């Protein structure tokens, strides 16, 4: 196995701190240097993350309004929205810093990508448990709100073609 240099180990340890992911996981807030929206500091010199809070509130309400969601699902919904917010933070940082580690001599991915993939997997499991994925909706027998039924459309086209032939 490749041994990591001391510099590489330090970069891996600092990646979540630089991205703002660590601060978000600890406090639910993002340092202004890592703000997703590039907003200036608040009046009192503190970042209040109004946009993050607004996104979270809107997303929670959006998921709660779905027909298969019950009141008891609220803790899972809150956890899902927290994971989605973490993914936004990491994606924003990767958009600025790049997917590859610039300080590495070989082509090495940013260490924070591991946290991103873990968050995506956790969010996907939560979506399945809430019936938000196509497979979960099929198991629950819940119709998709938005969708295009390709097979049905092909049958309609076939019927129209047969009617035109007659």
C-alpha atoms as a PDB file:
ATOM      1  CA  UNK A   1       0.000   0.000   0.000  1.00  0.00           C
ATOM      2  CA  UNK A   2       1.026   3.556  -0.595  1.00  0.00           C
ATOM      3  CA  UNK A   3       2.150   5.391   2.484  1.00  0.00           C
ATOM      4  CA  UNK A   4       0.862   8.916   2.671  1.00  0.00           C
ATOM      5  CA  UNK A   5       3.277  11.693   3.402  1.00  0.00           C
ATOM      6  CA  UNK A   6       2.783  13.879   6.433  1.00  0.00           C
ATOM      7  CA  UNK A   7       1.650  16.713   4.156  1.00  0.00           C
ATOM      8  CA  UNK A   8      -0.985  14.518   2.497  1.00  0.00           C
ATOM      9  CA  UNK A   9      -2.303  13.364   5.871  1.00  0.00           C
ATOM     10  CA  UNK A  10      -2.615  16.967   7.018  1.00  0.00           C
ATOM     11  CA  UNK A  11      -4.486  17.913   3.824  1.00  0.00           C
ATOM     12  CA  UNK A  12      -6.931  15.062   4.378  1.00  0.00           C
ATOM     13  CA  UNK A  13      -7.560  16.194   7.911  1.00  0.00           C
ATOM     14  CA  UNK A  14      -8.081  19.828   6.873  1.00  0.00           C
ATOM     15  CA  UNK A  15     -10.377  19.170   3.880  1.00  0.00           C
ATOM     16  CA  UNK A  16     -13.635  19.077   5.878  1.00  0.00           C
ATOM     17  CA  UNK A  17     -12.600  22.195   7.776  1.00  0.00           C
ATOM     18  CA  UNK A  18     -11.685  24.134   4.622  1.00  0.00           C
ATOM     19  CA  UNK A  19     -14.940  23.200   2.915  1.00  0.00           C
ATOM     20  CA  UNK A  20     -17.165  24.230   5.805  1.00  0.00           C
ATOM     21  CA  UNK A  21     -18.561  20.680   6.092  1.00  0.00           C
ATOM     22  CA  UNK A  22     -17.123  20.155   9.566  1.00  0.00           C
ATOM     23  CA  UNK A  23     -18.601  23.411  10.855  1.00  0.00           C
ATOM     24  CA  UNK A  24     -21.962  22.521   9.364  1.00  0.00           C
ATOM     25  CA  UNK A  25     -21.953  19.060  10.950  1.00  0.00           C
ATOM     26  CA  UNK A  26     -21.122  20.540  14.348  1.00  0.00           C
ATOM     27  CA  UNK A  27     -23.330  23.630  14.395  1.00  0.00           C
ATOM     28  CA  UNK A  28     -25.671  23.581  11.405  1.00  0.00           C
ATOM     29  CA  UNK A  29     -24.032  26.785  10.159  1.00  0.00           C
ATOM     30  CA  UNK A  30     -21.436  27.453   7.489  1.00  0.00           C
ATOM     31  CA  UNK A  31     -18.534  29.876   7.956  1.00  0.00           C
ATOM     32  CA  UNK A  32     -18.954  32.885   5.691  1.00  0.00           C
ATOM     33  CA  UNK A  33     -15.751  32.044   3.828  1.00  0.00           C
ATOM     34  CA  UNK A  34     -17.460  28.884   2.567  1.00  0.00           C
ATOM     35  CA  UNK A  35     -20.909  30.441   2.039  1.00  0.00           C
ATOM     36  CA  UNK A  36     -22.764  28.748  -0.800  1.00  0.00           C
ATOM     37  CA  UNK A  37     -24.270  32.029  -1.883  1.00  0.00           C
ATOM     38  CA  UNK A  38     -21.276  34.377  -1.647  1.00  0.00           C
ATOM     39  CA  UNK A  39     -23.127  36.698   0.717  1.00  0.00           C
ATOM     40  CA  UNK A  40     -21.298  39.295   2.814  1.00  0.00           C
ATOM     41  CA  UNK A  41     -21.175  39.058   6.592  1.00  0.00           C
ATOM     42  CA  UNK A  42     -24.304  39.971   8.506  1.00  0.00           C
ATOM     43  CA  UNK A  43     -24.710  43.275  10.278  1.00  0.00           C
ATOM     44  CA  UNK A  44     -23.018  42.059  13.451  1.00  0.00           C
ATOM     45  CA  UNK A  45     -20.151  40.308  11.680  1.00  0.00           C
ATOM     46  CA  UNK A  46     -21.757  36.884  11.928  1.00  0.00           C
ATOM     47  CA  UNK A  47     -22.953  34.633   9.154  1.00  0.00           C
ATOM     48  CA  UNK A  48     -26.510  33.620   9.929  1.00  0.00           C
ATOM     49  CA  UNK A  49     -27.029  31.285   6.972  1.00  0.00           C
ATOM     50  CA  UNK A  50     -30.539  32.518   6.182  1.00  0.00           C
ATOM     51  CA  UNK A  51     -30.428  30.898   2.753  1.00  0.00           C
ATOM     52  CA  UNK A  52     -29.507  27.504   4.204  1.00  0.00           C
ATOM     53  CA  UNK A  53     -32.280  27.715   6.782  1.00  0.00           C
ATOM     54  CA  UNK A  54     -34.767  28.790   4.127  1.00  0.00           C
ATOM     55  CA  UNK A  55     -33.746  25.916   1.836  1.00  0.00           C
ATOM     56  CA  UNK A  56     -34.113  23.446   4.691  1.00  0.00           C
ATOM     57  CA  UNK A  57     -37.530  24.735   5.737  1.00  0.00           C
ATOM     58  CA  UNK A  58     -38.835  24.706   2.153  1.00  0.00           C
ATOM     59  CA  UNK A  59     -37.468  21.240   1.484  1.00  0.00           C
ATOM     60  CA  UNK A  60     -38.985  19.820   4.689  1.00  0.00           C
ATOM     61  CA  UNK A  61     -42.391  21.265   3.766  1.00  0.00           C
ATOM     62  CA  UNK A  62     -42.054  19.967   0.209  1.00  0.00           C
ATOM     63  CA  UNK A  63     -41.390  16.413   1.385  1.00  0.00           C
ATOM     64  CA  UNK A  64     -44.068  16.570   4.114  1.00  0.00           C
ATOM     65  CA  UNK A  65     -46.731  17.419   1.514  1.00  0.00           C
ATOM     66  CA  UNK A  66     -46.231  14.142  -0.355  1.00  0.00           C
ATOM     67  CA  UNK A  67     -49.148  11.713   0.024  1.00  0.00           C
ATOM     68  CA  UNK A  68     -47.168   8.806   1.497  1.00  0.00           C
ATOM     69  CA  UNK A  69     -45.535  10.915   4.244  1.00  0.00           C
ATOM     70  CA  UNK A  70     -46.875  10.672   7.790  1.00  0.00           C
ATOM     71  CA  UNK A  71     -46.191  12.892  10.809  1.00  0.00           C
ATOM     72  CA  UNK A  72     -43.971  10.189  12.321  1.00  0.00           C
ATOM     73  CA  UNK A  73     -41.618  10.556   9.319  1.00  0.00           C
ATOM     74  CA  UNK A  74     -40.488  14.048  10.368  1.00  0.00           C
ATOM     75  CA  UNK A  75     -37.181  12.947  11.996  1.00  0.00           C
ATOM     76  CA  UNK A  76     -36.184  11.096   8.823  1.00  0.00           C
ATOM     77  CA  UNK A  77     -37.169  14.091   6.692  1.00  0.00           C
ATOM     78  CA  UNK A  78     -35.057  16.427   8.832  1.00  0.00           C
ATOM     79  CA  UNK A  79     -32.089  14.042   8.577  1.00  0.00           C
ATOM     80  CA  UNK A  80     -32.556  13.802   4.809  1.00  0.00           C
ATOM     81  CA  UNK A  81     -32.592  17.577   4.411  1.00  0.00           C
ATOM     82  CA  UNK A  82     -29.498  17.846   6.613  1.00  0.00           C
ATOM     83  CA  UNK A  83     -27.679  15.364   4.342  1.00  0.00           C
ATOM     84  CA  UNK A  84     -28.818  17.249   1.233  1.00  0.00           C
ATOM     85  CA  UNK A  85     -27.477  20.479   2.724  1.00  0.00           C
ATOM     86  CA  UNK A  86     -24.147  18.810   3.514  1.00  0.00           C
ATOM     87  CA  UNK A  87     -23.970  17.624  -0.096  1.00  0.00           C
ATOM     88  CA  UNK A  88     -24.567  21.194  -1.315  1.00  0.00           C
ATOM     89  CA  UNK A  89     -21.747  22.468   0.882  1.00  0.00           C
ATOM     90  CA  UNK A  90     -19.306  19.849  -0.348  1.00  0.00           C
ATOM     91  CA  UNK A  91     -20.354  20.242  -3.995  1.00  0.00           C
ATOM     92  CA  UNK A  92     -19.866  24.003  -3.712  1.00  0.00           C
ATOM     93  CA  UNK A  93     -16.400  23.567  -2.273  1.00  0.00           C
ATOM     94  CA  UNK A  94     -15.437  20.998  -4.910  1.00  0.00           C
ATOM     95  CA  UNK A  95     -16.700  23.429  -7.540  1.00  0.00           C
ATOM     96  CA  UNK A  96     -14.218  25.996  -6.218  1.00  0.00           C
ATOM     97  CA  UNK A  97     -11.291  23.739  -5.321  1.00  0.00           C
ATOM     98  CA  UNK A  98     -11.682  21.120  -8.060  1.00  0.00           C
ATOM     99  CA  UNK A  99     -12.259  17.392  -7.824  1.00  0.00           C
ATOM    100  CA  UNK A 100      -8.541  16.612  -7.859  1.00  0.00           C
ATOM    101  CA  UNK A 101      -6.157  17.582  -5.106  1.00  0.00           C
ATOM    102  CA  UNK A 102      -3.918  20.316  -6.543  1.00  0.00           C
ATOM    103  CA  UNK A 103      -1.110  19.674  -4.056  1.00  0.00           C
ATOM    104  CA  UNK A 104      -0.778  16.011  -4.950  1.00  0.00           C
ATOM    105  CA  UNK A 105       1.954  14.881  -7.325  1.00  0.00           C
ATOM    106  CA  UNK A 106      -0.254  12.090  -8.627  1.00  0.00           C
ATOM    107  CA  UNK A 107      -3.872  12.438  -9.702  1.00  0.00           C
ATOM    108  CA  UNK A 108      -5.562  12.131  -6.335  1.00  0.00           C
ATOM    109  CA  UNK A 109      -9.178  12.969  -5.556  1.00  0.00           C
ATOM    110  CA  UNK A 110     -10.098  15.471  -2.872  1.00  0.00           C
ATOM    111  CA  UNK A 111     -10.342  13.570   0.430  1.00  0.00           C
ATOM    112  CA  UNK A 112     -13.709  15.141   1.216  1.00  0.00           C
ATOM    113  CA  UNK A 113     -15.290  13.161  -1.626  1.00  0.00           C
ATOM    114  CA  UNK A 114     -15.483  10.194   0.737  1.00  0.00           C
ATOM    115  CA  UNK A 115     -17.753  12.176   3.058  1.00  0.00           C
ATOM    116  CA  UNK A 116     -19.797  13.273   0.042  1.00  0.00           C
ATOM    117  CA  UNK A 117     -20.334   9.685  -1.143  1.00  0.00           C
ATOM    118  CA  UNK A 118     -21.238   8.567   2.384  1.00  0.00           C
ATOM    119  CA  UNK A 119     -23.764  11.389   2.596  1.00  0.00           C
ATOM    120  CA  UNK A 120     -25.258  10.494  -0.789  1.00  0.00           C
ATOM    121  CA  UNK A 121     -25.655   6.863   0.254  1.00  0.00           C
ATOM    122  CA  UNK A 122     -27.259   7.843   3.565  1.00  0.00           C
ATOM    123  CA  UNK A 123     -29.647  10.228   1.791  1.00  0.00           C
ATOM    124  CA  UNK A 124     -30.586   7.552  -0.754  1.00  0.00           C
ATOM    125  CA  UNK A 125     -31.449   5.122   2.049  1.00  0.00           C
ATOM    126  CA  UNK A 126     -33.604   7.799   3.681  1.00  0.00           C
ATOM    127  CA  UNK A 127     -35.328   8.538   0.366  1.00  0.00           C
ATOM    128  CA  UNK A 128     -36.097   4.839  -0.015  1.00  0.00           C
ATOM    129  CA  UNK A 129     -37.549   4.647   3.484  1.00  0.00           C
ATOM    130  CA  UNK A 130     -39.739   7.695   2.765  1.00  0.00           C
ATOM    131  CA  UNK A 131     -40.896   6.382  -0.607  1.00  0.00           C
ATOM    132  CA  UNK A 132     -39.122   9.108  -2.591  1.00  0.00           C
ATOM    133  CA  UNK A 133     -37.338   6.846  -5.072  1.00  0.00           C
ATOM    134  CA  UNK A 134     -39.082   5.224  -8.050  1.00  0.00           C
ATOM    135  CA  UNK A 135     -38.505   1.729  -6.675  1.00  0.00           C
ATOM    136  CA  UNK A 136     -39.835   2.668  -3.229  1.00  0.00           C
ATOM    137  CA  UNK A 137     -42.899   4.337  -4.781  1.00  0.00           C
ATOM    138  CA  UNK A 138     -43.582   1.192  -6.772  1.00  0.00           C
ATOM    139  CA  UNK A 139     -43.415  -0.913  -3.584  1.00  0.00           C
ATOM    140  CA  UNK A 140     -45.794   1.478  -1.832  1.00  0.00           C
ATOM    141  CA  UNK A 141     -48.109   1.715  -4.838  1.00  0.00           C
ATOM    142  CA  UNK A 142     -47.792   5.500  -4.871  1.00  0.00           C
ATOM    143  CA  UNK A 143     -48.136   7.158  -8.255  1.00  0.00           C
ATOM    144  CA  UNK A 144     -45.338   9.389  -9.374  1.00  0.00           C
ATOM    145  CA  UNK A 145     -46.309  13.055  -9.381  1.00  0.00           C
ATOM    146  CA  UNK A 146     -44.122  13.933 -12.322  1.00  0.00           C
ATOM    147  CA  UNK A 147     -43.240  11.447 -14.964  1.00  0.00           C
ATOM    148  CA  UNK A 148     -43.558  10.322 -18.513  1.00  0.00           C
ATOM    149  CA  UNK A 149     -44.891   6.848 -19.153  1.00  0.00           C
ATOM    150  CA  UNK A 150     -42.878   5.852 -22.200  1.00  0.00           C
ATOM    151  CA  UNK A 151     -44.625   2.484 -22.664  1.00  0.00           C
ATOM    152  CA  UNK A 152     -48.094   4.050 -22.526  1.00  0.00           C
ATOM    153  CA  UNK A 153     -47.076   6.751 -25.007  1.00  0.00           C
ATOM    154  CA  UNK A 154     -45.701   4.114 -27.396  1.00  0.00           C
ATOM    155  CA  UNK A 155     -49.019   2.221 -27.166  1.00  0.00           C
ATOM    156  CA  UNK A 156     -50.912   5.430 -27.937  1.00  0.00           C
ATOM    157  CA  UNK A 157     -48.698   6.114 -30.956  1.00  0.00           C
ATOM    158  CA  UNK A 158     -49.171   2.526 -32.112  1.00  0.00           C
ATOM    159  CA  UNK A 159     -52.983   2.858 -31.777  1.00  0.00           C
ATOM    160  CA  UNK A 160     -52.926   6.134 -33.713  1.00  0.00           C
ATOM    161  CA  UNK A 161     -50.851   4.538 -36.451  1.00  0.00           C
ATOM    162  CA  UNK A 162     -53.232   1.556 -36.675  1.00  0.00           C
ATOM    163  CA  UNK A 163     -56.253   3.885 -36.851  1.00  0.00           C
ATOM    164  CA  UNK A 164     -54.632   5.877 -39.669  1.00  0.00           C
ATOM    165  CA  UNK A 165     -53.967   2.679 -41.632  1.00  0.00           C
ATOM    166  CA  UNK A 166     -57.634   1.627 -41.437  1.00  0.00           C
END
